[in-house]
């Protein structure tokens, strides 16, 4: 499944990168458990919900399900505050 995700990047990345309100997105894989994760930080809930309607993402999920993958619904949290690295200059 990790290889599938690497291949899907070619299709998914261009559309996701053009979405408004997405400062950070990290995709991860744990080979020992065949797990994949996507942690994205969005500026607000409306921005986050863009992925719910992003057809290439919805289509990309079907082959994973056919191989036995399950998906957890996204959890969208509001961000009351955040940390940034402190400059050490």
Protein backbone atom coordinates (compact mmCIF):
# COMPACT_ATOMS: atom_id res chain seq x y z
CA UNK A 1 0.00 0.00 0.00
CA UNK A 2 2.92 2.32 0.61
CA UNK A 3 3.93 1.99 -3.04
CA UNK A 4 0.36 2.73 -4.09
CA UNK A 5 0.45 5.93 -2.05
CA UNK A 6 3.73 6.97 -3.64
CA UNK A 7 2.17 6.47 -7.08
CA UNK A 8 -1.00 8.35 -6.08
CA UNK A 9 1.07 11.39 -5.17
CA UNK A 10 1.41 12.22 -8.89
CA UNK A 11 -2.37 12.55 -9.18
CA UNK A 12 -3.23 13.98 -5.76
CA UNK A 13 -0.45 16.48 -5.08
CA UNK A 14 -1.21 19.02 -7.84
CA UNK A 15 -4.84 19.41 -6.78
CA UNK A 16 -4.17 19.46 -3.05
CA UNK A 17 -1.41 22.05 -3.42
CA UNK A 18 -3.85 24.45 -5.09
CA UNK A 19 -6.39 24.25 -2.26
CA UNK A 20 -6.80 27.44 -0.28
CA UNK A 21 -5.94 27.40 3.41
CA UNK A 22 -3.49 24.49 3.55
CA UNK A 23 -0.20 25.52 5.16
CA UNK A 24 1.01 21.96 5.98
CA UNK A 25 0.23 18.40 4.91
CA UNK A 26 2.22 15.32 5.91
CA UNK A 27 1.70 11.83 4.54
CA UNK A 28 3.22 8.94 6.47
CA UNK A 29 3.55 5.18 6.23
CA UNK A 30 4.37 2.47 8.76
CA UNK A 31 5.47 -0.58 6.83
CA UNK A 32 5.30 -3.05 9.73
CA UNK A 33 1.56 -2.40 10.16
CA UNK A 34 0.76 -1.44 6.54
CA UNK A 35 -0.63 1.82 7.93
CA UNK A 36 -0.87 5.14 6.13
CA UNK A 37 -1.67 8.49 7.66
CA UNK A 38 -2.41 11.98 6.46
CA UNK A 39 -2.10 14.87 8.89
CA UNK A 40 -3.03 18.21 7.37
CA UNK A 41 -3.23 21.59 9.04
CA UNK A 42 -5.87 23.92 7.62
CA UNK A 43 -6.68 27.54 8.40
CA UNK A 44 -10.35 26.76 9.14
CA UNK A 45 -12.99 24.04 8.93
CA UNK A 46 -14.28 25.13 5.51
CA UNK A 47 -10.77 24.80 4.10
CA UNK A 48 -10.37 21.35 5.67
CA UNK A 49 -13.61 20.12 4.15
CA UNK A 50 -12.23 20.65 0.64
CA UNK A 51 -10.79 17.13 0.79
CA UNK A 52 -14.29 15.73 1.40
CA UNK A 53 -15.19 16.85 -2.13
CA UNK A 54 -11.86 16.27 -3.88
CA UNK A 55 -12.84 13.61 -6.41
CA UNK A 56 -9.30 12.39 -7.18
CA UNK A 57 -8.87 11.62 -3.45
CA UNK A 58 -12.22 9.82 -3.31
CA UNK A 59 -11.35 7.80 -6.42
CA UNK A 60 -7.87 6.97 -5.11
CA UNK A 61 -9.36 5.30 -2.03
CA UNK A 62 -11.18 2.57 -3.95
CA UNK A 63 -8.11 0.40 -4.75
CA UNK A 64 -7.05 0.56 -1.10
CA UNK A 65 -10.45 -0.69 0.03
CA UNK A 66 -10.22 -3.47 -2.55
CA UNK A 67 -6.94 -4.55 -0.89
CA UNK A 68 -8.58 -4.59 2.55
CA UNK A 69 -7.79 -1.10 3.80
CA UNK A 70 -10.17 0.74 6.08
CA UNK A 71 -10.45 4.49 6.44
CA UNK A 72 -11.20 6.54 9.51
CA UNK A 73 -13.19 9.71 9.00
CA UNK A 74 -11.13 12.85 9.34
CA UNK A 75 -11.17 14.57 12.69
CA UNK A 76 -11.18 18.34 12.34
CA UNK A 77 -10.02 20.29 15.37
CA UNK A 78 -10.08 24.04 15.79
CA UNK A 79 -6.75 25.55 16.77
CA UNK A 80 -6.94 27.93 19.73
CA UNK A 81 -3.16 28.44 19.60
CA UNK A 82 -0.08 27.02 17.93
CA UNK A 83 3.67 26.87 18.47
CA UNK A 84 6.32 28.09 16.09
CA UNK A 85 10.06 27.44 16.44
CA UNK A 86 11.83 30.15 18.40
CA UNK A 87 14.69 31.75 16.52
CA UNK A 88 18.08 30.94 18.09
CA UNK A 89 19.89 33.87 16.45
